[in-house]
Amino acid sequence: MATRTATKPADDQPFDFNLDAVEAEVELRPFRVHFGGRRFEFTHMQALDAWETIEAAESGDIGVVVNSMKLALGDQWADFRAVPMPQHKLMRLFKAWQAHSGVQSGESEASGT
């Protein structure tokens, strides 16, 4: 008995939407912060991986804040986290980062609008 394998259809049809061609509508300049005597650079919110920010939303508002910052800081996260952070400063920082990124308060940074 011969084994049958599924054949992949030819990819010669035009696309309805080319996501690879989509460009950001704003300059995705990093957000620079002075904290604990040093400089930290946060990736622009609209440049963060959407899948990871969506997953962070499952852990509630504070989870979104912390996980977004962790993603945005990358290798700087451990140094940033090592400095004690009063809660009132954390939310002010997040709101300033949102404003820099063109994201309205209460809007998901994953939405990009």
N, C-alpha and C. Protein backbone atom coordinates (compact mmCIF):
# COMPACT_ATOMS: atom_id res chain seq x y z
N MET A 1 0.85 -1.18 0.00
CA MET A 1 0.00 0.00 0.00
C MET A 1 0.90 1.24 0.00
N ALA A 2 0.64 2.18 -0.85
CA ALA A 2 1.45 3.40 -0.98
C ALA A 2 1.05 4.42 0.07
N THR A 3 2.05 5.13 0.59
CA THR A 3 1.77 6.19 1.56
C THR A 3 1.43 7.48 0.81
N ARG A 4 0.45 8.15 1.32
CA ARG A 4 0.05 9.42 0.70
C ARG A 4 0.52 10.57 1.56
N THR A 5 1.06 11.55 0.95
CA THR A 5 1.48 12.75 1.68
C THR A 5 0.69 13.94 1.14
N ALA A 6 0.38 14.83 2.01
CA ALA A 6 -0.35 16.03 1.60
C ALA A 6 0.57 16.91 0.77
N THR A 7 0.05 17.44 -0.27
CA THR A 7 0.85 18.35 -1.09
C THR A 7 0.54 19.78 -0.67
N LYS A 8 1.58 20.57 -0.64
CA LYS A 8 1.44 21.98 -0.27
C LYS A 8 0.98 22.76 -1.49
N PRO A 9 -0.08 23.54 -1.37
CA PRO A 9 -0.54 24.31 -2.53
C PRO A 9 0.51 25.35 -2.94
N ALA A 10 0.55 25.67 -4.20
CA ALA A 10 1.49 26.66 -4.70
C ALA A 10 1.19 28.02 -4.08
N ASP A 11 2.24 28.77 -3.77
CA ASP A 11 2.08 30.10 -3.17
C ASP A 11 2.26 31.15 -4.25
N ASP A 12 1.43 31.05 -5.30
CA ASP A 12 1.57 31.98 -6.42
C ASP A 12 0.39 32.95 -6.53
N GLN A 13 -0.44 32.98 -5.51
CA GLN A 13 -1.60 33.86 -5.50
C GLN A 13 -1.24 35.18 -4.81
N PRO A 14 -1.87 36.28 -5.23
CA PRO A 14 -1.58 37.57 -4.56
C PRO A 14 -2.09 37.53 -3.11
N PHE A 15 -1.47 38.33 -2.27
CA PHE A 15 -1.87 38.42 -0.87
C PHE A 15 -3.00 39.43 -0.72
N ASP A 16 -3.87 39.19 0.24
CA ASP A 16 -4.88 40.17 0.56
C ASP A 16 -4.31 41.28 1.44
N PHE A 17 -3.28 40.92 2.22
CA PHE A 17 -2.64 41.90 3.11
C PHE A 17 -1.21 41.45 3.34
N ASN A 18 -0.25 42.33 3.08
CA ASN A 18 1.15 42.00 3.27
C ASN A 18 1.63 42.60 4.58
N LEU A 19 1.57 41.83 5.64
CA LEU A 19 1.98 42.29 6.96
C LEU A 19 3.46 42.62 7.01
N ASP A 20 4.27 41.95 6.19
CA ASP A 20 5.71 42.24 6.15
C ASP A 20 6.01 43.66 5.68
N ALA A 21 5.08 44.27 4.96
CA ALA A 21 5.29 45.62 4.43
C ALA A 21 4.80 46.72 5.37
N VAL A 22 4.15 46.36 6.46
CA VAL A 22 3.60 47.35 7.38
C VAL A 22 4.73 48.04 8.14
N GLU A 23 4.70 49.36 8.15
CA GLU A 23 5.69 50.17 8.85
C GLU A 23 5.01 50.89 10.02
N ALA A 24 5.77 51.21 11.03
CA ALA A 24 5.25 51.99 12.15
C ALA A 24 4.88 53.38 11.67
N GLU A 25 3.82 53.94 12.25
CA GLU A 25 3.37 55.28 11.86
C GLU A 25 4.13 56.37 12.60
N VAL A 26 4.87 55.99 13.62
CA VAL A 26 5.67 56.94 14.40
C VAL A 26 7.10 56.42 14.50
N GLU A 27 8.01 57.32 14.85
CA GLU A 27 9.39 56.89 15.09
C GLU A 27 9.42 56.11 16.39
N LEU A 28 9.97 54.91 16.36
CA LEU A 28 9.98 54.05 17.54
C LEU A 28 11.24 54.29 18.38
N ARG A 29 11.40 55.54 18.77
CA ARG A 29 12.56 55.97 19.55
C ARG A 29 12.47 55.42 20.98
N PRO A 30 13.59 54.93 21.52
CA PRO A 30 13.56 54.41 22.90
C PRO A 30 13.20 55.51 23.91
N PHE A 31 12.65 55.09 25.02
CA PHE A 31 12.29 55.97 26.13
C PHE A 31 13.43 55.89 27.14
N ARG A 32 14.11 56.99 27.36
CA ARG A 32 15.29 57.00 28.24
C ARG A 32 14.91 57.54 29.61
N VAL A 33 15.34 56.81 30.64
CA VAL A 33 14.97 57.13 32.02
C VAL A 33 16.22 57.20 32.88
N HIS A 34 16.27 58.21 33.76
CA HIS A 34 17.33 58.27 34.76
C HIS A 34 16.75 57.75 36.06
N PHE A 35 17.39 56.72 36.61
CA PHE A 35 16.87 56.07 37.83
C PHE A 35 18.01 55.38 38.55
N GLY A 36 18.08 55.60 39.85
CA GLY A 36 19.13 54.96 40.65
C GLY A 36 20.53 55.39 40.24
N GLY A 37 20.64 56.62 39.73
CA GLY A 37 21.94 57.15 39.36
C GLY A 37 22.45 56.71 38.00
N ARG A 38 21.61 56.07 37.20
CA ARG A 38 22.06 55.65 35.87
C ARG A 38 20.94 55.76 34.83
N ARG A 39 21.31 55.55 33.58
CA ARG A 39 20.37 55.64 32.47
C ARG A 39 19.87 54.25 32.10
N PHE A 40 18.56 54.19 31.83
CA PHE A 40 17.93 52.97 31.32
C PHE A 40 17.19 53.34 30.05
N GLU A 41 17.22 52.43 29.08
CA GLU A 41 16.49 52.64 27.82
C GLU A 41 15.40 51.59 27.67
N PHE A 42 14.17 52.08 27.60
CA PHE A 42 13.02 51.22 27.37
C PHE A 42 12.74 51.19 25.87
N THR A 43 12.51 50.01 25.33
CA THR A 43 12.07 49.89 23.96
C THR A 43 10.72 50.60 23.84
N HIS A 44 10.49 51.27 22.73
CA HIS A 44 9.20 51.92 22.48
C HIS A 44 8.09 50.89 22.62
N MET A 45 7.00 51.25 23.29
CA MET A 45 5.90 50.30 23.52
C MET A 45 5.39 49.65 22.24
N GLN A 46 5.30 50.44 21.17
CA GLN A 46 4.76 49.91 19.94
C GLN A 46 5.72 48.96 19.22
N ALA A 47 6.95 48.87 19.71
CA ALA A 47 7.93 47.95 19.13
C ALA A 47 8.02 46.63 19.91
N LEU A 48 7.32 46.53 21.05
CA LEU A 48 7.33 45.30 21.83
C LEU A 48 6.60 44.18 21.10
N ASP A 49 6.99 42.96 21.37
CA ASP A 49 6.33 41.81 20.76
C ASP A 49 4.88 41.74 21.23
N ALA A 50 3.96 41.83 20.30
CA ALA A 50 2.53 41.85 20.64
C ALA A 50 2.10 40.60 21.36
N TRP A 51 2.61 39.43 20.97
CA TRP A 51 2.18 38.18 21.60
C TRP A 51 2.55 38.17 23.08
N GLU A 52 3.74 38.67 23.39
CA GLU A 52 4.15 38.67 24.80
C GLU A 52 3.37 39.68 25.63
N THR A 53 3.03 40.84 25.04
CA THR A 53 2.24 41.81 25.80
C THR A 53 0.81 41.33 25.99
N ILE A 54 0.29 40.60 25.01
CA ILE A 54 -1.06 40.03 25.15
C ILE A 54 -1.07 38.99 26.26
N GLU A 55 -0.05 38.14 26.31
CA GLU A 55 0.04 37.14 27.38
C GLU A 55 0.16 37.82 28.75
N ALA A 56 0.88 38.94 28.82
CA ALA A 56 1.03 39.67 30.08
C ALA A 56 -0.32 40.19 30.58
N ALA A 57 -1.22 40.50 29.65
CA ALA A 57 -2.54 41.03 30.03
C ALA A 57 -3.34 40.03 30.85
N GLU A 58 -3.03 38.75 30.69
CA GLU A 58 -3.74 37.72 31.45
C GLU A 58 -3.44 37.80 32.94
N SER A 59 -2.34 38.46 33.31
CA SER A 59 -1.96 38.54 34.72
C SER A 59 -2.45 39.84 35.38
N GLY A 60 -3.34 40.57 34.72
CA GLY A 60 -3.91 41.77 35.30
C GLY A 60 -3.08 43.01 35.00
N ASP A 61 -3.57 44.16 35.47
CA ASP A 61 -2.95 45.44 35.16
C ASP A 61 -1.49 45.53 35.62
N ILE A 62 -1.22 45.14 36.85
CA ILE A 62 0.15 45.25 37.35
C ILE A 62 1.06 44.27 36.60
N GLY A 63 0.51 43.13 36.19
CA GLY A 63 1.28 42.19 35.38
C GLY A 63 1.66 42.78 34.04
N VAL A 64 0.74 43.54 33.44
CA VAL A 64 1.02 44.20 32.17
C VAL A 64 2.15 45.21 32.37
N VAL A 65 2.06 46.00 33.43
CA VAL A 65 3.07 47.02 33.70
C VAL A 65 4.45 46.36 33.86
N VAL A 66 4.54 45.40 34.77
CA VAL A 66 5.83 44.78 35.07
C VAL A 66 6.37 43.99 33.88
N ASN A 67 5.54 43.17 33.25
CA ASN A 67 6.01 42.37 32.13
C ASN A 67 6.38 43.22 30.92
N SER A 68 5.66 44.31 30.69
CA SER A 68 6.01 45.21 29.60
C SER A 68 7.36 45.86 29.84
N MET A 69 7.58 46.28 31.09
CA MET A 69 8.88 46.88 31.42
C MET A 69 10.01 45.87 31.29
N LYS A 70 9.75 44.67 31.73
CA LYS A 70 10.76 43.61 31.62
C LYS A 70 11.12 43.36 30.15
N LEU A 71 10.12 43.29 29.30
CA LEU A 71 10.36 43.12 27.87
C LEU A 71 11.13 44.31 27.29
N ALA A 72 10.71 45.50 27.68
CA ALA A 72 11.29 46.72 27.12
C ALA A 72 12.74 46.93 27.55
N LEU A 73 13.07 46.49 28.76
CA LEU A 73 14.43 46.70 29.27
C LEU A 73 15.39 45.60 28.87
N GLY A 74 14.87 44.42 28.58
CA GLY A 74 15.74 43.32 28.15
C GLY A 74 16.84 43.03 29.15
N ASP A 75 18.10 43.12 28.71
CA ASP A 75 19.26 42.82 29.57
C ASP A 75 19.43 43.81 30.72
N GLN A 76 18.77 44.96 30.66
CA GLN A 76 18.87 45.95 31.73
C GLN A 76 17.93 45.65 32.90
N TRP A 77 16.99 44.71 32.70
CA TRP A 77 15.94 44.45 33.69
C TRP A 77 16.50 44.17 35.09
N ALA A 78 17.49 43.29 35.19
CA ALA A 78 18.02 42.91 36.51
C ALA A 78 18.58 44.13 37.25
N ASP A 79 19.31 44.99 36.54
CA ASP A 79 19.85 46.20 37.18
C ASP A 79 18.74 47.16 37.57
N PHE A 80 17.74 47.31 36.71
CA PHE A 80 16.61 48.19 36.99
C PHE A 80 15.84 47.68 38.21
N ARG A 81 15.60 46.40 38.24
CA ARG A 81 14.83 45.75 39.32
C ARG A 81 15.57 45.78 40.65
N ALA A 82 16.89 45.89 40.61
CA ALA A 82 17.69 45.89 41.84
C ALA A 82 17.53 47.18 42.64
N VAL A 83 17.03 48.24 42.01
CA VAL A 83 16.83 49.52 42.70
C VAL A 83 15.42 49.54 43.28
N PRO A 84 15.28 49.81 44.60
CA PRO A 84 13.93 49.87 45.19
C PRO A 84 13.05 50.88 44.45
N MET A 85 11.79 50.49 44.20
CA MET A 85 10.86 51.31 43.42
C MET A 85 9.59 51.59 44.21
N PRO A 86 9.41 52.83 44.69
CA PRO A 86 8.15 53.17 45.34
C PRO A 86 6.99 53.06 44.33
N GLN A 87 5.84 52.60 44.80
CA GLN A 87 4.71 52.38 43.90
C GLN A 87 4.31 53.65 43.15
N HIS A 88 4.35 54.80 43.83
CA HIS A 88 3.92 56.03 43.15
C HIS A 88 4.85 56.37 41.98
N LYS A 89 6.10 55.98 42.06
CA LYS A 89 7.03 56.23 40.95
C LYS A 89 6.81 55.24 39.82
N LEU A 90 6.47 54.01 40.15
CA LEU A 90 6.25 53.00 39.12
C LEU A 90 5.13 53.42 38.17
N MET A 91 4.01 53.86 38.72
CA MET A 91 2.88 54.23 37.86
C MET A 91 3.16 55.53 37.10
N ARG A 92 3.88 56.47 37.71
CA ARG A 92 4.25 57.69 36.99
C ARG A 92 5.17 57.36 35.81
N LEU A 93 6.11 56.45 36.05
CA LEU A 93 7.02 56.01 34.99
C LEU A 93 6.23 55.36 33.86
N PHE A 94 5.32 54.46 34.20
CA PHE A 94 4.54 53.75 33.18
C PHE A 94 3.71 54.73 32.35
N LYS A 95 3.08 55.70 33.01
CA LYS A 95 2.27 56.68 32.29
C LYS A 95 3.12 57.57 31.39
N ALA A 96 4.33 57.93 31.84
CA ALA A 96 5.24 58.73 31.01
C ALA A 96 5.70 57.92 29.80
N TRP A 97 5.95 56.64 30.00
CA TRP A 97 6.36 55.76 28.90
C TRP A 97 5.21 55.61 27.89
N GLN A 98 3.98 55.48 28.40
CA GLN A 98 2.81 55.41 27.52
C GLN A 98 2.71 56.68 26.68
N ALA A 99 2.85 57.84 27.33
CA ALA A 99 2.75 59.11 26.61
C ALA A 99 3.84 59.20 25.54
N HIS A 100 5.06 58.83 25.88
CA HIS A 100 6.17 58.83 24.93
C HIS A 100 5.85 57.94 23.73
N SER A 101 5.19 56.83 23.98
CA SER A 101 4.89 55.84 22.95
C SER A 101 3.59 56.12 22.19
N GLY A 102 2.88 57.19 22.58
CA GLY A 102 1.64 57.53 21.91
C GLY A 102 0.49 56.61 22.26
N VAL A 103 0.56 56.00 23.45
CA VAL A 103 -0.48 55.09 23.91
C VAL A 103 -1.27 55.80 25.01
N GLN A 104 -2.58 55.84 24.86
CA GLN A 104 -3.43 56.47 25.86
C GLN A 104 -3.54 55.60 27.10
N SER A 105 -3.64 56.21 28.26
CA SER A 105 -3.82 55.47 29.50
C SER A 105 -5.07 54.61 29.41
N GLY A 106 -4.94 53.34 29.81
CA GLY A 106 -6.04 52.40 29.74
C GLY A 106 -6.13 51.65 28.42
N GLU A 107 -5.32 52.05 27.46
CA GLU A 107 -5.29 51.39 26.15
C GLU A 107 -4.18 50.35 26.16
N SER A 108 -4.39 49.26 25.52
CA SER A 108 -3.37 48.22 25.45
C SER A 108 -2.23 48.65 24.57
N GLU A 109 -0.99 48.52 25.07
CA GLU A 109 0.15 48.86 24.23
C GLU A 109 0.30 47.93 23.05
N ALA A 110 -0.32 46.75 23.15
CA ALA A 110 -0.25 45.80 22.05
C ALA A 110 -1.10 46.26 20.88
N SER A 111 -2.08 47.14 21.14
CA SER A 111 -2.96 47.55 20.06
C SER A 111 -2.28 48.50 19.10
N GLY A 112 -1.33 49.29 19.62
CA GLY A 112 -0.61 50.22 18.78
C GLY A 112 -1.42 51.43 18.35
N THR A 113 -2.58 51.63 18.98
CA THR A 113 -3.38 52.81 18.63
C THR A 113 -3.79 53.55 19.87
